[in-house]
Protein backbone atom coordinates (compact mmCIF):
# COMPACT_ATOMS: atom_id res chain seq x y z
CA MET A 1 0.39 26.42 -10.87
CA LYS A 2 3.24 26.83 -8.64
CA TYR A 3 1.37 26.09 -5.58
CA LEU A 4 -1.41 23.94 -7.16
CA ILE A 5 0.48 20.25 -6.89
CA PRO A 6 1.80 21.24 -3.11
CA GLY A 7 -1.91 22.20 -2.37
CA ILE A 8 -3.24 19.00 -3.64
CA LEU A 9 -0.92 16.93 -1.75
CA MET A 10 -1.68 18.72 1.53
CA VAL A 11 -5.52 18.15 1.07
CA LEU A 12 -4.75 14.44 0.14
CA CYS A 13 -2.56 14.14 3.32
CA LEU A 14 -5.26 15.79 5.51
CA CYS A 15 -7.87 13.40 4.24
CA LEU A 16 -5.80 10.43 5.18
CA PRO A 17 -6.68 8.88 8.63
CA VAL A 18 -3.69 9.00 11.18
CA ALA A 19 -3.02 6.19 13.05
CA ALA A 20 -3.18 6.41 16.86
CA ASP A 21 0.24 6.99 18.49
CA THR A 22 1.26 3.85 20.13
CA ASN A 23 4.63 5.08 21.27
CA PRO A 24 4.70 4.58 24.95
CA LEU A 25 7.01 7.64 25.39
CA THR A 26 4.27 10.20 23.25
CA ALA A 27 1.40 8.41 24.81
CA ALA A 28 2.56 9.16 28.34
CA GLN A 29 2.52 12.88 27.51
CA GLU A 30 -1.26 12.67 26.67
CA PRO A 31 -3.54 14.31 29.44
CA LEU A 32 -5.12 11.64 31.49
CA LYS A 33 -8.91 11.59 31.09
CA ILE A 34 -11.10 10.45 34.08
CA GLU A 35 -14.77 9.67 33.56
CA ARG A 36 -17.05 10.66 36.53
CA ASP A 37 -20.13 8.97 37.67
CA SER A 38 -23.24 11.34 37.29
CA SER A 39 -24.18 10.19 40.55
CA GLN A 40 -21.18 11.62 42.34
CA SER A 41 -21.23 14.77 44.02
CA SER A 42 -19.02 17.34 42.87
CA GLU A 43 -17.37 20.43 44.61
CA PRO A 44 -18.83 23.59 43.36
CA ALA A 45 -16.52 25.38 40.56
CA LYS A 46 -14.56 27.95 42.17
CA GLU A 47 -14.54 31.31 40.14
CA LYS A 48 -11.22 31.56 38.31
CA LYS A 49 -9.34 34.90 38.33
CA GLY A 50 -7.84 36.46 35.09
CA GLY A 51 -11.01 37.38 33.09
CA ILE A 52 -10.55 38.68 29.44
CA LEU A 53 -6.74 38.08 29.68
CA SER A 54 -7.00 34.47 30.65
CA GLY A 55 -9.56 33.93 27.86
CA ILE A 56 -7.26 35.53 25.31
CA LYS A 57 -4.22 33.30 26.62
CA SER A 58 -6.52 30.21 26.19
CA PHE A 59 -7.61 31.00 22.94
CA GLY A 60 -4.00 31.51 21.74
CA SER A 61 -3.08 28.26 23.13
CA SER A 62 -5.68 26.45 21.38
CA VAL A 63 -4.72 28.16 17.95
CA VAL A 64 -1.17 27.12 18.27
CA GLY A 65 -2.41 23.70 19.31
CA PHE A 66 -4.52 23.46 16.00
CA PHE A 67 -1.96 24.18 13.50
CA LYS A 68 0.63 22.15 15.59
CA ASP A 69 -1.70 19.33 15.05
CA LYS A 70 -2.15 19.86 11.44
CA LYS A 71 1.32 20.13 10.71
CA GLU A 72 1.90 16.73 12.24
CA LYS A 73 -1.07 15.09 10.49
CA VAL A 74 0.25 16.55 7.07
CA SER A 75 3.84 15.27 7.64
CA ARG A 76 2.45 11.78 8.62
CA GLY A 77 -0.15 11.83 5.74
CA PHE A 78 2.30 12.62 3.10
CA SER A 79 4.63 9.96 4.24
CA GLU A 80 1.88 7.40 3.95
CA LEU A 81 0.59 8.67 0.53
CA CYS A 82 4.01 8.30 -0.84
CA LYS A 83 3.94 4.62 0.33
CA LEU A 84 0.71 4.32 -1.21
CA VAL A 85 1.39 6.22 -4.49
CA PRO A 86 4.98 6.18 -5.09
CA LYS A 87 4.79 7.54 -8.28
CA LEU A 88 3.72 11.16 -6.85
CA THR A 89 7.17 11.43 -5.67
CA ARG A 90 8.13 11.68 -9.53
CA ILE A 91 5.78 14.38 -10.31
CA ARG A 92 8.62 16.85 -10.99
CA ALA A 93 10.15 14.33 -13.83
CA PHE A 94 6.74 15.29 -15.77
CA PHE A 95 8.46 18.52 -16.28
CA LYS A 96 12.30 18.38 -15.73
CA GLN A 97 13.93 14.93 -15.06
CA LYS A 98 16.24 14.80 -11.86
CA THR A 99 19.96 14.25 -12.01
CA LEU A 100 21.18 11.17 -10.23
CA SER A 101 22.65 11.97 -6.94
CA ASP A 102 26.39 11.64 -6.69
CA LYS A 103 25.91 8.76 -4.39
CA ASP A 104 23.84 6.74 -6.89
CA ARG A 105 26.00 7.76 -9.93
CA LYS A 106 29.16 6.64 -8.26
CA LYS A 107 27.77 3.54 -7.14
CA LEU A 108 26.84 2.48 -10.66
CA GLU A 109 30.32 3.71 -12.06
CA GLU A 110 32.07 1.37 -9.61
CA ILE A 111 30.23 -1.50 -10.88
CA ALA A 112 30.81 -0.40 -14.25
CA GLU A 113 34.49 -0.41 -13.71
CA LYS A 114 34.60 -3.65 -11.92
CA ASN A 115 32.78 -5.28 -14.90
CA LYS A 116 34.90 -3.58 -17.62
CA ALA A 117 36.18 -7.07 -18.78
CA LYS A 118 32.67 -7.96 -19.85
CA GLY A 119 32.88 -4.91 -22.42
CA TRP A 120 32.50 -5.09 -26.00
CA PRO A 121 35.93 -5.72 -28.18
CA LEU A 122 36.09 -2.85 -30.84
CA ASP A 123 36.69 -5.56 -33.50
CA GLY A 124 33.85 -7.84 -32.22
CA ASP A 125 31.41 -9.57 -34.61
CA ILE A 126 28.13 -8.07 -34.33
CA ALA A 127 26.40 -11.33 -34.58
CA ASP A 128 28.06 -12.03 -31.03
CA VAL A 129 26.04 -9.33 -29.31
CA VAL A 130 24.44 -10.31 -26.03
CA ASN A 131 21.92 -7.54 -25.43
CA ALA A 132 20.48 -6.14 -22.44
CA HIS A 133 16.89 -5.11 -23.76
CA TYR A 134 15.99 -3.04 -20.77
CA THR A 135 18.22 -0.51 -19.07
CA ASN A 136 16.30 2.71 -19.04
CA THR A 137 15.77 2.83 -15.06
CA TYR A 138 18.33 2.87 -12.38
CA GLY A 139 17.41 -0.60 -11.06
CA GLU A 140 17.52 -1.81 -14.90
CA LEU A 141 20.95 -0.42 -15.48
CA LYS A 142 22.43 -1.78 -12.30
CA LYS A 143 21.23 -5.39 -13.04
CA ALA A 144 22.50 -5.01 -16.47
CA LEU A 145 25.99 -3.68 -15.52
CA GLU A 146 26.21 -6.70 -12.91
CA GLY A 147 25.28 -9.19 -15.77
CA ASP A 148 26.93 -10.94 -18.68
CA CYS A 149 25.44 -8.77 -21.64
CA ASN A 150 28.07 -6.80 -23.87
CA TRP A 151 25.55 -4.37 -25.34
CA PHE A 152 23.17 -2.15 -23.35
CA GLU A 153 19.96 -0.53 -24.93
CA CYS A 154 18.20 2.63 -23.98
CA ASP A 155 14.99 4.22 -25.42
CA VAL A 156 15.47 8.14 -25.61
CA ARG A 157 12.94 10.86 -25.93
CA PRO A 158 13.08 14.45 -24.54
CA GLU A 159 12.22 15.06 -20.80
CA GLY A 160 9.10 16.63 -19.34
CA PRO A 161 6.07 15.20 -21.14
CA LEU A 162 3.81 17.71 -19.52
CA ARG A 163 6.31 20.80 -20.03
CA ASP A 164 4.26 22.18 -23.09
CA HIS A 165 1.13 21.91 -21.16
CA VAL A 166 2.02 24.51 -18.40
CA PRO A 167 1.78 28.10 -19.43
CA PHE A 168 3.93 31.16 -18.32
CA ILE A 169 6.54 28.66 -16.96
CA LYS A 170 9.86 28.28 -18.86
CA PHE A 171 11.76 25.11 -18.18
CA GLY A 172 14.67 25.33 -20.76
CA GLU A 173 15.43 23.24 -23.76
CA PRO A 174 14.31 19.40 -22.86
CA ARG A 175 17.27 17.21 -22.38
CA PRO A 176 17.34 13.40 -23.65
CA VAL A 177 15.90 10.92 -21.30
CA THR A 178 15.87 7.11 -21.02
CA ALA A 179 12.15 6.46 -21.46
CA HIS A 180 10.29 3.80 -23.59
CA ASP A 181 6.86 5.41 -23.38
CA SER A 182 6.00 9.09 -23.49
CA PHE A 183 4.76 9.34 -19.99
CA GLN A 184 7.39 7.34 -18.37
CA THR A 185 9.13 9.22 -15.64
CA ASN A 186 11.20 6.78 -13.64
CA GLY A 187 13.97 6.75 -16.18
CA MET A 188 17.38 8.74 -16.14
CA LEU A 189 18.86 11.61 -17.92
CA PHE A 190 20.63 10.27 -20.93
CA GLU A 191 23.89 11.95 -19.91
CA ASP A 192 23.85 10.11 -16.71
CA TRP A 193 23.17 6.88 -18.44
CA VAL A 194 26.01 7.46 -21.06
CA ARG A 195 28.42 8.70 -18.50
CA ILE A 196 27.97 5.43 -16.62
CA VAL A 197 27.80 2.82 -19.40
CA ALA A 198 30.75 4.40 -21.04
CA LYS A 199 33.13 3.30 -18.23
CA SER A 200 31.83 -0.24 -18.51
CA GLU A 201 33.01 -0.39 -22.03
CA ARG A 202 29.90 -2.04 -23.28
CA GLY A 203 28.33 -1.47 -26.49
CA ILE A 204 25.66 1.37 -26.58
CA LYS A 205 22.55 0.98 -28.58
CA VAL A 206 20.19 3.90 -28.58
CA ASP A 207 16.51 3.51 -29.96
CA LEU A 208 15.53 6.95 -30.63
CA LYS A 209 11.82 7.31 -29.70
CA ASP A 210 11.44 10.98 -30.57
CA ASN A 211 13.47 12.44 -33.25
CA SER A 212 13.88 15.91 -31.79
CA ALA A 213 16.08 14.14 -29.00
CA LEU A 214 18.79 13.30 -31.85
CA GLU A 215 20.76 16.60 -31.51
CA GLY A 216 21.28 16.28 -27.71
CA VAL A 217 21.73 12.61 -28.09
CA LEU A 218 24.67 13.02 -30.64
CA ALA A 219 26.14 15.83 -28.25
CA ILE A 220 26.28 13.78 -25.17
CA LEU A 221 27.92 10.78 -26.93
CA LYS A 222 30.54 13.01 -28.34
CA LYS A 223 31.03 14.48 -24.85
CA TYR A 224 31.85 11.27 -23.35
CA ASN A 225 34.21 10.01 -26.28
CA VAL A 226 31.87 7.03 -27.08
CA ASP A 227 33.78 5.06 -29.64
CA GLU A 228 31.56 4.52 -32.80
CA ARG A 229 32.64 0.95 -33.03
CA ARG A 230 30.62 0.54 -29.71
CA LEU A 231 27.48 2.23 -31.09
CA ILE A 232 24.22 1.53 -32.73
CA LEU A 233 21.66 4.49 -33.41
CA ASN A 234 18.23 3.09 -34.21
CA ILE A 235 15.93 5.13 -36.23
CA ASN A 236 12.40 4.62 -37.67
CA VAL A 237 12.04 4.63 -41.24
CA SER A 238 8.63 5.68 -42.85
CA GLN A 239 7.03 3.35 -45.45
CA PRO A 240 6.83 4.15 -49.36
CA GLY A 241 4.57 7.10 -49.89
CA SER A 242 5.14 8.76 -46.47
CA GLY A 243 8.08 10.70 -45.00
CA PRO A 244 10.97 12.25 -46.85
CA LYS A 245 13.17 10.59 -49.37
CA ALA A 246 15.96 8.83 -47.84
CA ASP A 247 18.72 10.98 -49.24
CA ALA A 248 16.94 13.89 -47.91
CA ASP A 249 16.55 12.54 -44.46
CA ALA A 250 18.31 14.94 -42.01
CA ARG A 251 18.79 12.28 -39.20
CA ILE A 252 21.01 10.03 -41.25
CA LYS A 253 23.06 13.14 -42.34
CA ALA A 254 23.59 14.06 -38.75
CA ILE A 255 24.51 10.58 -37.51
CA ARG A 256 26.91 10.13 -40.24
CA SER A 257 28.39 13.67 -39.73
CA ALA A 258 29.06 12.83 -35.96
CA PHE A 259 29.86 9.23 -36.30
CA PRO A 260 30.66 8.02 -39.82
CA GLY A 261 31.53 4.45 -38.39
CA CYS A 262 28.54 3.91 -36.10
CA ARG A 263 25.83 1.34 -37.01
CA ILE A 264 22.60 3.05 -38.15
CA LYS A 265 19.84 0.61 -37.45
CA LEU A 266 16.82 1.06 -39.48
CA SER A 267 13.36 0.04 -38.16
CA PRO A 268 10.55 -0.34 -40.53
CA GLY A 269 7.51 1.83 -39.48
CA GLY A 270 3.73 1.29 -39.63
CA GLY A 271 2.12 -0.30 -42.70
CA CYS A 272 5.36 -2.28 -43.36
CA SER A 273 3.31 -5.62 -42.87
CA LYS A 274 0.43 -7.49 -44.54
CA ASP A 275 -1.15 -10.60 -43.32
CA GLY A 276 1.44 -10.50 -40.47
CA LYS A 277 4.46 -10.50 -42.65
CA TYR A 278 6.78 -7.81 -43.92
CA THR A 279 6.09 -6.94 -47.59
CA MET A 280 8.55 -6.46 -50.17
CA GLU A 281 7.71 -2.62 -50.68
CA ALA A 282 8.71 -2.32 -47.00
CA ALA A 283 12.23 -3.81 -47.88
CA ASP A 284 12.50 -1.86 -50.62
CA ARG A 285 12.09 1.23 -48.53
CA LEU A 286 14.96 -0.05 -46.20
CA ILE A 287 17.35 -0.50 -49.15
CA GLU A 288 16.80 2.95 -50.24
CA TYR A 289 17.77 4.14 -46.52
CA ALA A 290 20.60 1.83 -46.41
CA LYS A 291 21.97 3.10 -49.76
CA ALA A 292 21.69 6.81 -48.73
CA ALA A 293 23.15 6.21 -45.41
CA GLY A 294 25.90 4.32 -46.30
CA GLN A 295 27.61 1.26 -44.37
CA PRO A 296 27.57 0.03 -41.74
CA ILE A 297 23.65 -0.85 -41.81
CA MET A 298 21.63 -2.95 -39.73
CA TYR A 299 17.70 -3.65 -39.82
CA ALA A 300 15.63 -4.20 -36.88
CA MET A 301 13.07 -7.03 -37.94
CA ARG A 302 10.26 -8.36 -35.74
CA ALA A 303 10.78 -12.08 -35.43
CA GLU A 304 7.21 -12.99 -36.23
CA TRP A 305 7.09 -10.92 -39.37
CA VAL A 306 10.46 -11.79 -40.93
CA THR A 307 10.72 -14.31 -43.70
CA PRO A 308 13.74 -16.11 -45.50
CA GLU A 309 12.67 -14.16 -48.61
CA ILE A 310 12.96 -10.65 -46.77
CA VAL A 311 16.36 -11.68 -45.20
CA LYS A 312 17.78 -12.78 -48.69
CA LYS A 313 16.37 -9.45 -50.28
CA LEU A 314 18.08 -7.06 -47.40
CA GLU A 315 21.34 -8.79 -46.54
CA PRO A 316 23.37 -7.79 -49.32
CA TYR A 317 22.67 -3.96 -48.29
CA GLY A 318 23.18 -4.57 -44.63
CA LYS A 319 22.91 -6.99 -41.55
CA VAL A 320 19.33 -8.24 -40.61
CA SER A 321 18.76 -8.21 -36.92
CA ILE A 322 15.96 -9.88 -35.04
CA TRP A 323 14.08 -8.57 -32.08
CA ASN A 324 10.97 -9.82 -30.23
CA SER A 325 8.13 -8.80 -27.81
CA THR A 326 7.08 -11.86 -25.69
CA ASN A 327 3.40 -10.58 -26.14
CA THR A 328 3.70 -11.55 -29.75
CA PHE A 329 6.59 -13.98 -29.96
CA ASP A 330 7.56 -15.98 -26.98
CA PRO A 331 9.87 -19.03 -27.98
CA LYS A 332 10.09 -21.79 -25.60
CA ASP A 333 13.55 -22.59 -26.91
CA VAL A 334 15.57 -19.36 -27.67
CA ALA A 335 18.64 -21.12 -29.03
CA LYS A 336 16.48 -23.34 -31.45
CA GLU A 337 14.91 -20.07 -32.87
CA ILE A 338 18.29 -18.19 -33.25
CA GLU A 339 19.60 -21.41 -35.24
CA ARG A 340 16.52 -21.08 -37.45
CA PHE A 341 17.13 -17.56 -38.38
CA ARG A 342 20.83 -18.05 -38.77
CA SER A 343 19.90 -20.63 -41.27
CA TRP A 344 17.91 -18.26 -43.21
CA GLY A 345 21.25 -15.91 -43.57
CA VAL A 346 20.71 -13.35 -40.75
CA THR A 347 24.05 -11.99 -39.87
CA GLY A 348 23.15 -9.30 -37.29
CA MET A 349 22.18 -9.50 -33.82
CA ILE A 350 19.51 -11.55 -32.66
CA ASP A 351 18.03 -10.25 -29.53
CA LEU A 352 15.23 -12.71 -28.39
CA MET A 353 13.57 -12.51 -25.09
CA SER A 354 11.33 -15.42 -23.35
CA THR A 355 8.95 -15.52 -20.40
CA HIS A 356 9.58 -19.56 -20.29
CA ASP A 357 11.76 -21.06 -17.82
CA LYS A 358 15.18 -21.57 -18.97
CA HIS A 359 15.90 -24.74 -16.98
């Protein structure tokens, strides 16, 4: 396995056609070839001296030239391959995530410090949150730091989606990384992400995509002294009849032990809707968790599934928040939708995205 990936890359590189060298400086070094007319007479070849020694020397030069040529082809081929298939350069992240370089990290930290005035006040009303929904990658985080959002959201799971499928190689304990999907490899180490965002004084919303990452997440947030008033931890809640009882769920115990005053955001899991709307049974399960976890609590409710009745049932036990995917709910007028949800009694953050032109 140690040499498998480099070997595959080398084979692919050798298979790629290499463009002819058009550089006049290097082209001038190529031997000049003269095509002779077969009708022209030629002088009889003179017998060369040297015999076997000359032949060995000639063979050696040919071997050296062969490997030199192949080395150049591999180098050029790999460069072209990386241009054609950029994800090949992230193969390492399938096993172990790369730490941000000092240069890249300092660049984002400078932007964070520069825009600290856009941070979240510790006594702010959660209804006033303007959330940057996508900040998992370097580019997404840079854009968010330069923007006006006062909360940043990241998705977290353990690094190395393929590490458990490689025998005989020990990679160490998996660290938390920012990745929405299980095979996403262009995210960042969660520690790099927190170190940068903490300097911006924005709110931090962590959507826990894999429960096994929780211990590492809490330790990193503690390490960088994230204020619990700037912290939301989102966990998935199983439906009635599945999963543990709320008061036995180790996740809420760990979160409340580490950050007693942070907001725990409860996200209803599979089986929570019927005929495209949340069921009252799903609401009961969320309330069970809200009571077990203690305040402050918020619920993550999909825009197209929530109803005024569900909002009325949940609000006494925590703040309802609304989110959407533009694949299933794509409002033409976001402000109008926000006003509609507020009229139902929604008091939490409303994070609506739209593909429609704002102008």
